[in-house]
């Protein structure tokens, strides 16, 4: 996957490039960045409610979020509303095992996503040409 050292190195390289931006480009970058970065603590909090899949929605991983929510609802319906209790329990248990790595790697996942966001914002800022106020 990715190590914390690699993520920190990537972030450091991005920050060096950001420092080299001109004033208007840096302001443009910071405006974009502040809207896109995600909090590792909030992701971790939402991850503790993993059966709902809210942590996936927070990082805009819509497919995984919908799949997670759908499997949870299906598992609960099978567990509580039908005679397929064993299948519902197996489905919920399998989902827990799939989500455990997400819980353990929460900080790395958010750090990686934030680095990707920083890189996208940097690329846009480098192309940004401030419009002149003169006529």
C-alpha atoms as a PDB file:
ATOM      1  CA  UNK A   1       0.000   0.000   0.000  1.00  0.00           C
ATOM      2  CA  UNK A   2       1.848   3.082   1.234  1.00  0.00           C
ATOM      3  CA  UNK A   3       3.986   3.877   4.233  1.00  0.00           C
ATOM      4  CA  UNK A   4       3.881   6.944   6.419  1.00  0.00           C
ATOM      5  CA  UNK A   5       7.435   7.787   5.372  1.00  0.00           C
ATOM      6  CA  UNK A   6       6.468   7.763   1.674  1.00  0.00           C
ATOM      7  CA  UNK A   7       3.386   9.875   2.353  1.00  0.00           C
ATOM      8  CA  UNK A   8       5.383  12.409   4.371  1.00  0.00           C
ATOM      9  CA  UNK A   9       8.034  12.608   1.642  1.00  0.00           C
ATOM     10  CA  UNK A  10       5.375  13.140  -1.025  1.00  0.00           C
ATOM     11  CA  UNK A  11       3.722  15.852   1.090  1.00  0.00           C
ATOM     12  CA  UNK A  12       7.078  17.568   1.675  1.00  0.00           C
ATOM     13  CA  UNK A  13       7.795  17.614  -2.083  1.00  0.00           C
ATOM     14  CA  UNK A  14       4.349  19.066  -2.766  1.00  0.00           C
ATOM     15  CA  UNK A  15       4.843  21.759  -0.109  1.00  0.00           C
ATOM     16  CA  UNK A  16       8.183  22.712  -1.696  1.00  0.00           C
ATOM     17  CA  UNK A  17       6.452  23.186  -5.049  1.00  0.00           C
ATOM     18  CA  UNK A  18       3.675  25.196  -3.399  1.00  0.00           C
ATOM     19  CA  UNK A  19       6.245  27.546  -1.859  1.00  0.00           C
ATOM     20  CA  UNK A  20       7.570  28.300  -5.348  1.00  0.00           C
ATOM     21  CA  UNK A  21       4.179  29.581  -6.578  1.00  0.00           C
ATOM     22  CA  UNK A  22       3.682  33.294  -7.169  1.00  0.00           C
ATOM     23  CA  UNK A  23       1.512  35.245  -4.723  1.00  0.00           C
ATOM     24  CA  UNK A  24      -1.750  35.089  -6.720  1.00  0.00           C
ATOM     25  CA  UNK A  25      -1.148  31.434  -7.601  1.00  0.00           C
ATOM     26  CA  UNK A  26      -0.501  30.589  -3.937  1.00  0.00           C
ATOM     27  CA  UNK A  27      -3.708  32.374  -2.885  1.00  0.00           C
ATOM     28  CA  UNK A  28      -5.610  30.442  -5.572  1.00  0.00           C
ATOM     29  CA  UNK A  29      -4.012  27.203  -4.362  1.00  0.00           C
ATOM     30  CA  UNK A  30      -4.848  27.842  -0.696  1.00  0.00           C
ATOM     31  CA  UNK A  31      -8.460  28.615  -1.566  1.00  0.00           C
ATOM     32  CA  UNK A  32      -8.794  25.322  -3.445  1.00  0.00           C
ATOM     33  CA  UNK A  33      -6.844  23.318  -0.867  1.00  0.00           C
ATOM     34  CA  UNK A  34      -8.895  24.453   2.119  1.00  0.00           C
ATOM     35  CA  UNK A  35     -12.064  23.236   0.413  1.00  0.00           C
ATOM     36  CA  UNK A  36     -10.612  19.827  -0.467  1.00  0.00           C
ATOM     37  CA  UNK A  37      -8.561  18.566   2.473  1.00  0.00           C
ATOM     38  CA  UNK A  38     -10.146  16.057   4.829  1.00  0.00           C
ATOM     39  CA  UNK A  39      -9.613  15.588   8.555  1.00  0.00           C
ATOM     40  CA  UNK A  40      -8.095  12.243   9.624  1.00  0.00           C
ATOM     41  CA  UNK A  41      -9.849  12.536  12.990  1.00  0.00           C
ATOM     42  CA  UNK A  42     -13.276  12.998  11.422  1.00  0.00           C
ATOM     43  CA  UNK A  43     -12.645  10.052   9.082  1.00  0.00           C
ATOM     44  CA  UNK A  44     -11.628   7.919  12.061  1.00  0.00           C
ATOM     45  CA  UNK A  45     -14.770   8.921  13.954  1.00  0.00           C
ATOM     46  CA  UNK A  46     -16.973   8.062  10.976  1.00  0.00           C
ATOM     47  CA  UNK A  47     -15.033   4.825  10.496  1.00  0.00           C
ATOM     48  CA  UNK A  48     -16.090   3.685  13.954  1.00  0.00           C
ATOM     49  CA  UNK A  49     -19.615   3.666  12.572  1.00  0.00           C
ATOM     50  CA  UNK A  50     -18.351   1.457   9.727  1.00  0.00           C
ATOM     51  CA  UNK A  51     -21.525  -0.541   9.170  1.00  0.00           C
ATOM     52  CA  UNK A  52     -23.152   2.614   7.832  1.00  0.00           C
ATOM     53  CA  UNK A  53     -20.347   3.348   5.355  1.00  0.00           C
ATOM     54  CA  UNK A  54     -20.228   7.045   6.258  1.00  0.00           C
ATOM     55  CA  UNK A  55     -16.424   7.111   6.176  1.00  0.00           C
ATOM     56  CA  UNK A  56     -16.492   6.187   2.489  1.00  0.00           C
ATOM     57  CA  UNK A  57     -18.896   9.006   1.686  1.00  0.00           C
ATOM     58  CA  UNK A  58     -16.663  11.460   3.587  1.00  0.00           C
ATOM     59  CA  UNK A  59     -13.787  10.697   1.193  1.00  0.00           C
ATOM     60  CA  UNK A  60     -16.152  10.773  -1.808  1.00  0.00           C
ATOM     61  CA  UNK A  61     -15.793   7.033  -2.371  1.00  0.00           C
ATOM     62  CA  UNK A  62     -19.428   6.746  -3.373  1.00  0.00           C
ATOM     63  CA  UNK A  63     -19.346   3.209  -4.749  1.00  0.00           C
ATOM     64  CA  UNK A  64     -17.792   1.729  -1.626  1.00  0.00           C
ATOM     65  CA  UNK A  65     -20.142   3.733   0.580  1.00  0.00           C
ATOM     66  CA  UNK A  66     -23.232   2.531  -1.258  1.00  0.00           C
ATOM     67  CA  UNK A  67     -21.971  -1.056  -1.278  1.00  0.00           C
ATOM     68  CA  UNK A  68     -21.186  -0.905   2.436  1.00  0.00           C
ATOM     69  CA  UNK A  69     -24.578   0.593   3.311  1.00  0.00           C
ATOM     70  CA  UNK A  70     -26.397  -1.849   1.046  1.00  0.00           C
ATOM     71  CA  UNK A  71     -24.659  -4.872   2.534  1.00  0.00           C
ATOM     72  CA  UNK A  72     -25.389  -3.655   6.056  1.00  0.00           C
ATOM     73  CA  UNK A  73     -29.068  -3.129   5.322  1.00  0.00           C
ATOM     74  CA  UNK A  74     -29.301  -6.498   3.558  1.00  0.00           C
ATOM     75  CA  UNK A  75     -27.528  -8.225   6.445  1.00  0.00           C
ATOM     76  CA  UNK A  76     -29.805  -6.609   9.024  1.00  0.00           C
ATOM     77  CA  UNK A  77     -32.939  -7.500   7.052  1.00  0.00           C
ATOM     78  CA  UNK A  78     -31.775 -11.107   6.762  1.00  0.00           C
ATOM     79  CA  UNK A  79     -30.787 -11.193  10.426  1.00  0.00           C
ATOM     80  CA  UNK A  80     -33.893  -9.590  11.883  1.00  0.00           C
ATOM     81  CA  UNK A  81     -36.665  -9.983   9.336  1.00  0.00           C
ATOM     82  CA  UNK A  82     -36.313 -13.436   7.819  1.00  0.00           C
ATOM     83  CA  UNK A  83     -35.407 -16.975   8.749  1.00  0.00           C
ATOM     84  CA  UNK A  84     -31.979 -16.520   7.079  1.00  0.00           C
ATOM     85  CA  UNK A  85     -30.308 -15.478  10.350  1.00  0.00           C
ATOM     86  CA  UNK A  86     -27.126 -17.426   9.608  1.00  0.00           C
ATOM     87  CA  UNK A  87     -26.666 -15.827   6.200  1.00  0.00           C
ATOM     88  CA  UNK A  88     -27.343 -12.347   7.581  1.00  0.00           C
ATOM     89  CA  UNK A  89     -24.846 -12.912  10.387  1.00  0.00           C
ATOM     90  CA  UNK A  90     -22.230 -14.203   7.924  1.00  0.00           C
ATOM     91  CA  UNK A  91     -22.757 -11.170   5.689  1.00  0.00           C
ATOM     92  CA  UNK A  92     -22.330  -8.725   8.580  1.00  0.00           C
ATOM     93  CA  UNK A  93     -19.291 -10.612   9.905  1.00  0.00           C
ATOM     94  CA  UNK A  94     -17.633 -10.618   6.475  1.00  0.00           C
ATOM     95  CA  UNK A  95     -18.233  -6.895   6.200  1.00  0.00           C
ATOM     96  CA  UNK A  96     -16.568  -6.337   9.580  1.00  0.00           C
ATOM     97  CA  UNK A  97     -13.481  -8.236   8.407  1.00  0.00           C
ATOM     98  CA  UNK A  98     -13.340  -6.229   5.179  1.00  0.00           C
ATOM     99  CA  UNK A  99     -13.609  -2.946   7.086  1.00  0.00           C
ATOM    100  CA  UNK A 100     -10.968  -3.689   9.748  1.00  0.00           C
ATOM    101  CA  UNK A 101      -8.053  -2.696   7.431  1.00  0.00           C
ATOM    102  CA  UNK A 102      -9.894   0.562   6.694  1.00  0.00           C
ATOM    103  CA  UNK A 103     -10.054   1.237  10.416  1.00  0.00           C
ATOM    104  CA  UNK A 104      -6.394   0.388  10.990  1.00  0.00           C
ATOM    105  CA  UNK A 105      -5.159   2.441   8.013  1.00  0.00           C
ATOM    106  CA  UNK A 106      -7.501   5.400   8.457  1.00  0.00           C
ATOM    107  CA  UNK A 107      -4.772   8.017   8.885  1.00  0.00           C
ATOM    108  CA  UNK A 108      -2.801   6.720   5.895  1.00  0.00           C
ATOM    109  CA  UNK A 109      -5.886   6.657   3.668  1.00  0.00           C
ATOM    110  CA  UNK A 110      -6.744  10.267   4.510  1.00  0.00           C
ATOM    111  CA  UNK A 111      -3.101  11.376   4.201  1.00  0.00           C
ATOM    112  CA  UNK A 112      -2.887   9.758   0.755  1.00  0.00           C
ATOM    113  CA  UNK A 113      -6.140  11.370  -0.353  1.00  0.00           C
ATOM    114  CA  UNK A 114      -5.007  14.755   0.960  1.00  0.00           C
ATOM    115  CA  UNK A 115      -1.730  14.422  -0.969  1.00  0.00           C
ATOM    116  CA  UNK A 116      -3.721  13.686  -4.130  1.00  0.00           C
ATOM    117  CA  UNK A 117      -5.909  16.724  -3.444  1.00  0.00           C
ATOM    118  CA  UNK A 118      -2.834  18.890  -2.899  1.00  0.00           C
ATOM    119  CA  UNK A 119      -1.325  17.667  -6.182  1.00  0.00           C
ATOM    120  CA  UNK A 120      -4.546  18.455  -8.103  1.00  0.00           C
ATOM    121  CA  UNK A 121      -4.801  21.922  -6.514  1.00  0.00           C
ATOM    122  CA  UNK A 122      -1.118  22.563  -7.262  1.00  0.00           C
ATOM    123  CA  UNK A 123      -1.556  21.609 -10.931  1.00  0.00           C
ATOM    124  CA  UNK A 124      -4.522  23.979 -11.217  1.00  0.00           C
ATOM    125  CA  UNK A 125      -2.665  26.772  -9.422  1.00  0.00           C
ATOM    126  CA  UNK A 126       0.343  26.417 -11.730  1.00  0.00           C
ATOM    127  CA  UNK A 127      -1.975  26.926 -14.722  1.00  0.00           C
ATOM    128  CA  UNK A 128      -3.780  29.836 -13.040  1.00  0.00           C
ATOM    129  CA  UNK A 129      -3.243  33.186 -14.701  1.00  0.00           C
ATOM    130  CA  UNK A 130      -4.620  36.036 -12.590  1.00  0.00           C
ATOM    131  CA  UNK A 131      -6.713  38.419 -14.629  1.00  0.00           C
ATOM    132  CA  UNK A 132      -5.241  41.895 -14.786  1.00  0.00           C
ATOM    133  CA  UNK A 133      -7.284  44.798 -13.485  1.00  0.00           C
ATOM    134  CA  UNK A 134      -6.118  47.165 -16.250  1.00  0.00           C
ATOM    135  CA  UNK A 135      -8.108  47.833 -19.412  1.00  0.00           C
END
